[in-house]
Amino acid sequence: MNKAFTRESDSTVERCPRCGSVGEPVESVTLDALLKDECRAQLGESANFCPSPTCDVAYFDKFERSADVAELARPVYPKDPAAPICPCFGLTCEEIEDEARAGSVVRVRAAIERAKSPEAHCSQRAANGRSCVAEIQRYYMKCRADGG
């Protein structure tokens, strides 16, 4: 078929150059806060976070330049499962698992409320630059379904 009659894809989805996961767009404030200085200069103003826990790429841009997990200023969830799932207030997956086993939601609810407050600095603390509320809820429900 003649290319003049084919429609180009409207997709602006960017995929990790290493694992192919769909990237999560992040702004420069996130990159500035989480990448070591020497690595930060290699990426553009905006980039994508690779959400795959097993991929070594942390961030990549549309030119397929990337920053590996080793180039992060500190460990981040989900790249490091021991890192806090809520980096602003330190809630860990282990604490969520404990809550689920106990059939409690006290710490989870408290963390969610704090994450919704002005005290949260998700754009600078979270690897994807977003609030952890949905991830906390998802992880808690997974733990409950798995029996804690």
C-alpha atoms as a PDB file:
ATOM      1  CA  MET A   1       0.000   0.000   0.000  1.00  0.00           C
ATOM      2  CA  ASN A   2       1.159   3.503  -0.781  1.00  0.00           C
ATOM      3  CA  LYS A   3       2.378   5.320   2.343  1.00  0.00           C
ATOM      4  CA  ALA A   4       0.390   8.384   1.312  1.00  0.00           C
ATOM      5  CA  PHE A   5      -2.776   6.496   2.253  1.00  0.00           C
ATOM      6  CA  THR A   6      -1.657   4.957   5.526  1.00  0.00           C
ATOM      7  CA  ARG A   7      -2.245   6.667   8.795  1.00  0.00           C
ATOM      8  CA  GLU A   8       0.660   7.101  11.158  1.00  0.00           C
ATOM      9  CA  SER A   9       0.169   5.969  14.703  1.00  0.00           C
ATOM     10  CA  ASP A  10      -1.131   8.614  17.114  1.00  0.00           C
ATOM     11  CA  SER A  11       0.618   6.811  19.927  1.00  0.00           C
ATOM     12  CA  THR A  12       3.001   8.894  21.967  1.00  0.00           C
ATOM     13  CA  VAL A  13       3.784   5.980  24.249  1.00  0.00           C
ATOM     14  CA  GLU A  14       7.471   5.669  24.896  1.00  0.00           C
ATOM     15  CA  ARG A  15       8.905   2.281  25.804  1.00  0.00           C
ATOM     16  CA  CYS A  16      11.953   1.383  27.821  1.00  0.00           C
ATOM     17  CA  PRO A  17      14.822   0.713  25.404  1.00  0.00           C
ATOM     18  CA  ARG A  18      15.950  -2.289  27.474  1.00  0.00           C
ATOM     19  CA  CYS A  19      12.789  -4.143  28.551  1.00  0.00           C
ATOM     20  CA  GLY A  20      10.023  -2.599  26.424  1.00  0.00           C
ATOM     21  CA  SER A  21       7.829  -1.529  29.368  1.00  0.00           C
ATOM     22  CA  VAL A  22       5.628   1.495  28.809  1.00  0.00           C
ATOM     23  CA  GLY A  23       7.335   4.477  30.402  1.00  0.00           C
ATOM     24  CA  GLU A  24       5.734   6.750  32.973  1.00  0.00           C
ATOM     25  CA  PRO A  25       6.440  10.406  32.088  1.00  0.00           C
ATOM     26  CA  VAL A  26       8.328  12.386  34.730  1.00  0.00           C
ATOM     27  CA  GLU A  27       9.322  16.028  34.867  1.00  0.00           C
ATOM     28  CA  SER A  28      12.690  17.594  35.520  1.00  0.00           C
ATOM     29  CA  VAL A  29      11.959  18.117  39.241  1.00  0.00           C
ATOM     30  CA  THR A  30      11.818  14.324  39.701  1.00  0.00           C
ATOM     31  CA  LEU A  31      14.943  13.731  37.646  1.00  0.00           C
ATOM     32  CA  ASP A  32      16.809  16.505  39.470  1.00  0.00           C
ATOM     33  CA  ALA A  33      15.920  15.005  42.849  1.00  0.00           C
ATOM     34  CA  LEU A  34      16.637  11.352  42.113  1.00  0.00           C
ATOM     35  CA  LEU A  35      19.519  11.205  39.671  1.00  0.00           C
ATOM     36  CA  LYS A  36      23.141  11.767  40.571  1.00  0.00           C
ATOM     37  CA  ASP A  37      24.375  15.039  39.086  1.00  0.00           C
ATOM     38  CA  GLU A  38      26.769  13.482  36.592  1.00  0.00           C
ATOM     39  CA  CYS A  39      23.977  11.347  35.158  1.00  0.00           C
ATOM     40  CA  ARG A  40      21.259  13.997  35.230  1.00  0.00           C
ATOM     41  CA  ALA A  41      22.934  16.032  32.494  1.00  0.00           C
ATOM     42  CA  GLN A  42      22.612  13.126  30.064  1.00  0.00           C
ATOM     43  CA  LEU A  43      18.795  13.229  29.945  1.00  0.00           C
ATOM     44  CA  GLY A  44      16.498  15.939  28.636  1.00  0.00           C
ATOM     45  CA  GLU A  45      14.144  18.136  30.646  1.00  0.00           C
ATOM     46  CA  SER A  46      11.592  15.366  30.774  1.00  0.00           C
ATOM     47  CA  ALA A  47      11.948  11.628  30.569  1.00  0.00           C
ATOM     48  CA  ASN A  48      10.138   8.419  31.473  1.00  0.00           C
ATOM     49  CA  PHE A  49      10.421   6.131  34.453  1.00  0.00           C
ATOM     50  CA  CYS A  50      10.654   2.421  33.627  1.00  0.00           C
ATOM     51  CA  PRO A  51       8.224   0.808  36.104  1.00  0.00           C
ATOM     52  CA  SER A  52       9.503  -2.744  35.644  1.00  0.00           C
ATOM     53  CA  PRO A  53      10.960  -3.907  38.983  1.00  0.00           C
ATOM     54  CA  THR A  54      13.424  -6.209  37.221  1.00  0.00           C
ATOM     55  CA  CYS A  55      14.764  -3.790  34.599  1.00  0.00           C
ATOM     56  CA  ASP A  56      18.060  -2.018  35.295  1.00  0.00           C
ATOM     57  CA  VAL A  57      16.881   1.163  33.551  1.00  0.00           C
ATOM     58  CA  ALA A  58      15.443   3.780  35.893  1.00  0.00           C
ATOM     59  CA  TYR A  59      14.807   6.626  33.418  1.00  0.00           C
ATOM     60  CA  PHE A  60      14.955   7.025  29.655  1.00  0.00           C
ATOM     61  CA  ASP A  61      14.097   9.723  27.165  1.00  0.00           C
ATOM     62  CA  LYS A  62      12.685   9.772  23.657  1.00  0.00           C
ATOM     63  CA  PHE A  63      16.201   9.576  22.218  1.00  0.00           C
ATOM     64  CA  GLU A  64      16.731   6.260  24.055  1.00  0.00           C
ATOM     65  CA  ARG A  65      19.293   7.788  26.385  1.00  0.00           C
ATOM     66  CA  SER A  66      18.939   6.149  29.773  1.00  0.00           C
ATOM     67  CA  ALA A  67      19.964   6.252  33.412  1.00  0.00           C
ATOM     68  CA  ASP A  68      20.380   2.946  35.194  1.00  0.00           C
ATOM     69  CA  VAL A  69      19.221   2.123  38.717  1.00  0.00           C
ATOM     70  CA  ALA A  70      22.857   2.313  39.871  1.00  0.00           C
ATOM     71  CA  GLU A  71      22.845   6.004  38.912  1.00  0.00           C
ATOM     72  CA  LEU A  72      20.036   6.900  41.319  1.00  0.00           C
ATOM     73  CA  ALA A  73      20.848   9.062  44.319  1.00  0.00           C
ATOM     74  CA  ARG A  74      19.010   6.592  46.592  1.00  0.00           C
ATOM     75  CA  PRO A  75      17.056   3.331  46.351  1.00  0.00           C
ATOM     76  CA  VAL A  76      13.512   3.679  44.996  1.00  0.00           C
ATOM     77  CA  TYR A  77      10.446   1.436  44.914  1.00  0.00           C
ATOM     78  CA  PRO A  78       9.758  -0.717  42.855  1.00  0.00           C
ATOM     79  CA  LYS A  79      13.351  -1.022  41.629  1.00  0.00           C
ATOM     80  CA  ASP A  80      14.386  -1.891  45.198  1.00  0.00           C
ATOM     81  CA  PRO A  81      11.553  -3.734  47.004  1.00  0.00           C
ATOM     82  CA  ALA A  82      13.093  -2.783  50.372  1.00  0.00           C
ATOM     83  CA  ALA A  83      12.794   0.945  49.561  1.00  0.00           C
ATOM     84  CA  PRO A  84       9.691   2.652  50.967  1.00  0.00           C
ATOM     85  CA  ILE A  85       6.606   2.357  48.781  1.00  0.00           C
ATOM     86  CA  CYS A  86       5.794   5.812  50.196  1.00  0.00           C
ATOM     87  CA  PRO A  87       9.094   7.675  50.046  1.00  0.00           C
ATOM     88  CA  CYS A  88       7.683  10.841  51.621  1.00  0.00           C
ATOM     89  CA  PHE A  89       6.707   9.156  54.891  1.00  0.00           C
ATOM     90  CA  GLY A  90       8.634   5.896  54.835  1.00  0.00           C
ATOM     91  CA  LEU A  91       5.841   3.303  54.600  1.00  0.00           C
ATOM     92  CA  THR A  92       7.355   0.016  53.406  1.00  0.00           C
ATOM     93  CA  CYS A  93       5.895  -3.024  51.703  1.00  0.00           C
ATOM     94  CA  GLU A  94       6.806  -5.036  54.789  1.00  0.00           C
ATOM     95  CA  GLU A  95       4.627  -2.748  56.934  1.00  0.00           C
ATOM     96  CA  ILE A  96       1.746  -3.125  54.491  1.00  0.00           C
ATOM     97  CA  GLU A  97       2.170  -6.910  54.585  1.00  0.00           C
ATOM     98  CA  ASP A  98       2.073  -6.794  58.405  1.00  0.00           C
ATOM     99  CA  GLU A  99      -1.129  -4.743  58.265  1.00  0.00           C
ATOM    100  CA  ALA A 100      -2.748  -7.170  55.842  1.00  0.00           C
ATOM    101  CA  ARG A 101      -1.795 -10.182  57.984  1.00  0.00           C
ATOM    102  CA  ALA A 102      -3.245  -8.485  61.057  1.00  0.00           C
ATOM    103  CA  GLY A 103      -6.416  -7.525  59.180  1.00  0.00           C
ATOM    104  CA  SER A 104      -5.712  -3.898  60.049  1.00  0.00           C
ATOM    105  CA  VAL A 105      -5.692  -0.773  57.926  1.00  0.00           C
ATOM    106  CA  VAL A 106      -4.510   1.766  60.509  1.00  0.00           C
ATOM    107  CA  ARG A 107      -1.017   2.449  59.104  1.00  0.00           C
ATOM    108  CA  VAL A 108      -2.222   2.163  55.521  1.00  0.00           C
ATOM    109  CA  ARG A 109      -5.036   4.679  56.060  1.00  0.00           C
ATOM    110  CA  ALA A 110      -2.722   7.039  57.926  1.00  0.00           C
ATOM    111  CA  ALA A 111      -0.158   6.872  55.128  1.00  0.00           C
ATOM    112  CA  ILE A 112      -2.825   7.503  52.493  1.00  0.00           C
ATOM    113  CA  GLU A 113      -4.125  10.541  54.375  1.00  0.00           C
ATOM    114  CA  ARG A 114      -0.616  11.937  54.791  1.00  0.00           C
ATOM    115  CA  ALA A 115       0.135  11.261  51.119  1.00  0.00           C
ATOM    116  CA  LYS A 116      -2.860  13.423  50.196  1.00  0.00           C
ATOM    117  CA  SER A 117      -1.623  16.275  52.400  1.00  0.00           C
ATOM    118  CA  PRO A 118       0.608  19.232  51.533  1.00  0.00           C
ATOM    119  CA  GLU A 119       3.385  17.465  53.490  1.00  0.00           C
ATOM    120  CA  ALA A 120       3.826  15.026  50.589  1.00  0.00           C
ATOM    121  CA  HIS A 121       6.502  15.852  48.036  1.00  0.00           C
ATOM    122  CA  CYS A 122       5.809  13.098  45.536  1.00  0.00           C
ATOM    123  CA  SER A 123       7.281  14.915  42.556  1.00  0.00           C
ATOM    124  CA  GLN A 124      10.655  14.959  44.326  1.00  0.00           C
ATOM    125  CA  ARG A 125      10.516  11.721  46.287  1.00  0.00           C
ATOM    126  CA  ALA A 126       8.626   9.135  44.208  1.00  0.00           C
ATOM    127  CA  ALA A 127      10.486   7.516  41.310  1.00  0.00           C
ATOM    128  CA  ASN A 128       7.568   8.159  38.965  1.00  0.00           C
ATOM    129  CA  GLY A 129       6.876  11.623  40.405  1.00  0.00           C
ATOM    130  CA  ARG A 130       3.332  10.664  41.422  1.00  0.00           C
ATOM    131  CA  SER A 131       1.444  10.047  44.618  1.00  0.00           C
ATOM    132  CA  CYS A 132       1.837   6.579  46.104  1.00  0.00           C
ATOM    133  CA  VAL A 133      -1.831   6.314  47.152  1.00  0.00           C
ATOM    134  CA  ALA A 134      -2.924   4.023  44.308  1.00  0.00           C
ATOM    135  CA  GLU A 135       0.163   1.820  44.697  1.00  0.00           C
ATOM    136  CA  ILE A 136      -0.347   1.494  48.473  1.00  0.00           C
ATOM    137  CA  GLN A 137      -3.976   0.515  47.940  1.00  0.00           C
ATOM    138  CA  ARG A 138      -3.086  -1.944  45.169  1.00  0.00           C
ATOM    139  CA  TYR A 139      -0.333  -3.551  47.219  1.00  0.00           C
ATOM    140  CA  TYR A 140      -2.523  -3.819  50.327  1.00  0.00           C
ATOM    141  CA  MET A 141      -5.337  -5.475  48.343  1.00  0.00           C
ATOM    142  CA  LYS A 142      -2.826  -7.884  46.756  1.00  0.00           C
ATOM    143  CA  CYS A 143      -1.517  -8.810  50.215  1.00  0.00           C
ATOM    144  CA  ARG A 144      -5.058  -9.373  51.477  1.00  0.00           C
ATOM    145  CA  ALA A 145      -5.876 -11.562  48.470  1.00  0.00           C
ATOM    146  CA  ASP A 146      -2.656 -13.522  49.000  1.00  0.00           C
ATOM    147  CA  GLY A 147      -3.623 -14.107  52.629  1.00  0.00           C
ATOM    148  CA  GLY A 148      -1.283 -11.462  54.075  1.00  0.00           C
END
